[in-house]
Amino acid sequence: MSIGRFPRFLWEKGKMNTLTVTIRTGKDNMDIPMIHDYLSTGSYWAQGISYAVVEGALAHSFCMGAFVEGQQVAFARLITDYHTFGWLADVFVLPAYRGRGISKQMMAFLKEQRWTKGLRRIMLSTLDAHELYRQYGFNDISKPLSLMEIYRPDIHRHFTVTEGTCG
């Protein structure tokens, strides 16, 4: 199965602390209202983000969710061109499901994708999960002085989707 050029997968991985976790991909498989609710009220990086911005961001990303008994309990997305680069973003596990290995299953699933093995660079930003990501090959920036950014952490509060859409 696929959604446009974005592949959709189902992945079962044993029981983790009595939970059977299924990893699904593709925006159409995601619980967008739950993702929006967490990002806009529970995350430290996207407080107040609009539903339209979340929905648009998911439409242009490789989306991955962890499901327990049909309910989505975790999410991550990779913003990517599928050939050279990816940026891992919006990774979270709902509080009631943390500490059960779900984020590890999601990272393992992502690394197992054939196309991710060919990406020259995958990057992310985190305040508190460095050790988790190190287990999956992430390291400190090798040449931090070569990187630059335009940093506007609250732009989603002041910029509407219609102003920022392409085309």
Protein backbone atom coordinates (compact mmCIF):
# COMPACT_ATOMS: atom_id res chain seq x y z
CA MET A 1 0.00 0.00 0.00
CA SER A 2 1.07 3.56 -0.49
CA ILE A 3 -0.25 7.08 -0.22
CA GLY A 4 1.06 8.92 -3.24
CA ARG A 5 4.83 8.52 -3.04
CA PHE A 6 4.77 8.12 0.72
CA PRO A 7 4.90 4.44 1.66
CA ARG A 8 2.59 3.05 4.30
CA PHE A 9 3.74 0.19 6.52
CA LEU A 10 2.34 -1.89 9.35
CA TRP A 11 4.88 -3.27 11.80
CA GLU A 12 4.21 -5.49 14.80
CA LYS A 13 6.86 -5.96 17.45
CA GLY A 14 6.10 -8.31 20.32
CA LYS A 15 4.72 -7.24 23.62
CA MET A 16 6.47 -4.45 25.47
CA ASN A 17 5.34 -4.29 29.10
CA THR A 18 2.14 -6.12 28.09
CA LEU A 19 1.55 -3.74 25.17
CA THR A 20 1.42 -4.79 21.56
CA VAL A 21 2.61 -1.80 19.56
CA THR A 22 1.86 -1.34 15.87
CA ILE A 23 3.85 1.23 13.90
CA ARG A 24 1.94 2.83 11.02
CA THR A 25 3.11 5.41 8.51
CA GLY A 26 1.41 7.93 6.26
CA LYS A 27 -0.56 11.02 7.19
CA ASP A 28 -3.86 9.25 6.47
CA ASN A 29 -3.12 6.76 9.25
CA MET A 30 -2.39 9.44 11.87
CA ASP A 31 -4.78 10.78 14.53
CA ILE A 32 -4.24 14.43 13.55
CA PRO A 33 -6.51 15.88 16.28
CA MET A 34 -4.51 14.02 18.96
CA ILE A 35 -1.19 15.09 17.41
CA HIS A 36 -2.35 18.71 17.25
CA ASP A 37 -3.59 18.61 20.83
CA TYR A 38 -0.28 17.29 22.12
CA LEU A 39 1.86 19.65 20.06
CA SER A 40 -0.22 22.75 20.87
CA THR A 41 -0.69 22.08 24.59
CA GLY A 42 1.79 19.42 25.74
CA SER A 43 5.02 20.08 23.87
CA TYR A 44 7.68 22.62 24.77
CA TRP A 45 8.44 23.40 21.12
CA ALA A 46 5.05 24.09 19.50
CA GLN A 47 2.78 25.64 22.14
CA GLY A 48 -0.23 27.24 20.48
CA ILE A 49 0.44 25.84 16.99
CA SER A 50 -2.68 25.85 14.83
CA TYR A 51 -4.40 22.76 13.49
CA ALA A 52 -3.85 23.99 9.91
CA VAL A 53 -0.09 24.30 10.42
CA VAL A 54 0.12 20.81 11.94
CA GLU A 55 -1.95 19.31 9.13
CA GLY A 56 0.18 21.04 6.49
CA ALA A 57 3.43 19.94 8.14
CA LEU A 58 2.28 16.32 8.22
CA ALA A 59 1.31 16.48 4.54
CA HIS A 60 4.95 17.20 3.65
CA SER A 61 6.64 14.69 5.96
CA PHE A 62 7.18 10.97 6.41
CA CYS A 63 4.79 10.40 9.35
CA MET A 64 5.06 7.54 11.78
CA GLY A 65 2.79 6.67 14.68
CA ALA A 66 2.74 4.03 17.38
CA PHE A 67 -0.64 2.49 18.10
CA VAL A 68 -1.85 0.37 21.02
CA GLU A 69 -5.20 -1.37 20.56
CA GLY A 70 -5.95 0.94 17.64
CA GLN A 71 -5.28 4.15 19.56
CA GLN A 72 -2.34 6.36 18.60
CA VAL A 73 0.00 6.85 21.57
CA ALA A 74 3.14 8.27 19.92
CA PHE A 75 4.23 10.22 16.87
CA ALA A 76 7.30 11.30 14.92
CA ARG A 77 7.89 12.75 11.49
CA LEU A 78 10.87 12.99 9.20
CA ILE A 79 10.99 16.01 6.93
CA THR A 80 12.91 14.60 3.98
CA ASP A 81 13.66 14.55 0.28
CA TYR A 82 13.98 10.72 0.55
CA HIS A 83 17.43 10.76 -1.06
CA THR A 84 19.95 12.87 0.86
CA PHE A 85 18.58 14.52 4.00
CA GLY A 86 16.06 14.20 6.80
CA TRP A 87 15.12 16.25 9.84
CA LEU A 88 13.46 14.29 12.65
CA ALA A 89 10.78 16.40 14.31
CA ASP A 90 7.76 16.43 16.61
CA VAL A 91 8.71 13.19 18.36
CA PHE A 92 6.56 12.37 21.39
CA VAL A 93 5.01 9.54 23.37
CA LEU A 94 1.88 10.31 25.38
CA PRO A 95 2.70 10.50 29.12
CA ALA A 96 0.69 7.40 30.08
CA TYR A 97 2.78 5.29 27.65
CA ARG A 98 6.28 6.59 28.38
CA GLY A 99 8.96 4.29 29.73
CA ARG A 100 7.68 1.27 27.80
CA GLY A 101 10.14 1.30 24.91
CA ILE A 102 7.78 2.83 22.37
CA SER A 103 10.16 5.58 21.25
CA LYS A 104 12.88 2.94 20.84
CA GLN A 105 10.58 0.87 18.63
CA MET A 106 9.85 3.93 16.52
CA MET A 107 13.53 4.80 16.10
CA ALA A 108 14.38 1.18 15.23
CA PHE A 109 11.55 1.13 12.69
CA LEU A 110 12.80 4.35 11.08
CA LYS A 111 16.37 3.04 10.83
CA GLU A 112 15.12 -0.21 9.23
CA GLN A 113 13.57 1.62 6.26
CA ARG A 114 15.63 0.97 3.16
CA TRP A 115 15.46 4.59 1.99
CA THR A 116 16.67 6.03 5.33
CA LYS A 117 19.84 3.97 5.05
CA GLY A 118 20.82 6.05 2.01
CA LEU A 119 20.33 9.48 3.57
CA ARG A 120 23.62 11.38 3.89
CA ARG A 121 22.47 13.25 6.99
CA ILE A 122 19.60 12.98 9.47
CA MET A 123 19.38 15.72 12.07
CA LEU A 124 17.22 16.61 15.03
CA SER A 125 16.98 19.00 17.93
CA THR A 126 16.26 17.86 21.49
CA LEU A 127 16.48 19.31 24.97
CA ASP A 128 16.40 16.08 26.94
CA ALA A 129 16.60 12.88 24.87
CA HIS A 130 20.24 12.88 23.74
CA GLU A 131 20.97 9.43 25.16
CA LEU A 132 17.96 7.87 23.44
CA TYR A 133 19.05 9.23 20.07
CA ARG A 134 22.72 8.28 20.57
CA GLN A 135 21.56 4.63 20.70
CA TYR A 136 20.40 5.05 17.10
CA GLY A 137 23.54 6.66 15.71
CA PHE A 138 22.93 10.34 16.39
CA ASN A 139 25.96 12.31 17.58
CA ASP A 140 26.81 15.88 18.45
CA ILE A 141 27.21 18.09 15.39
CA SER A 142 30.63 17.31 13.89
CA LYS A 143 31.20 20.83 12.56
CA PRO A 144 28.87 23.15 14.47
CA LEU A 145 30.50 26.27 13.06
CA SER A 146 29.44 25.21 9.55
CA LEU A 147 25.73 25.26 10.45
CA MET A 148 23.55 28.33 10.40
CA GLU A 149 19.87 28.88 11.03
CA ILE A 150 17.03 31.32 10.86
CA TYR A 151 15.42 30.77 14.26
CA ARG A 152 11.85 31.93 14.81
CA PRO A 153 10.47 29.68 17.56
CA ASP A 154 7.08 31.42 17.82
CA ILE A 155 6.42 32.07 14.13
CA HIS A 156 3.44 29.70 14.21
CA ARG A 157 1.69 32.16 16.54
CA HIS A 158 1.95 35.07 14.09
CA PHE A 159 1.96 33.57 10.59
CA THR A 160 -1.05 31.99 8.94
CA VAL A 161 -0.90 29.02 6.61
CA THR A 162 -2.30 30.97 3.65
CA GLU A 163 0.59 33.42 3.93
CA GLY A 164 3.14 30.61 4.02
CA THR A 165 1.90 28.14 1.45
CA CYS A 166 3.79 27.44 -1.74
CA GLY A 167 2.54 28.15 -5.20
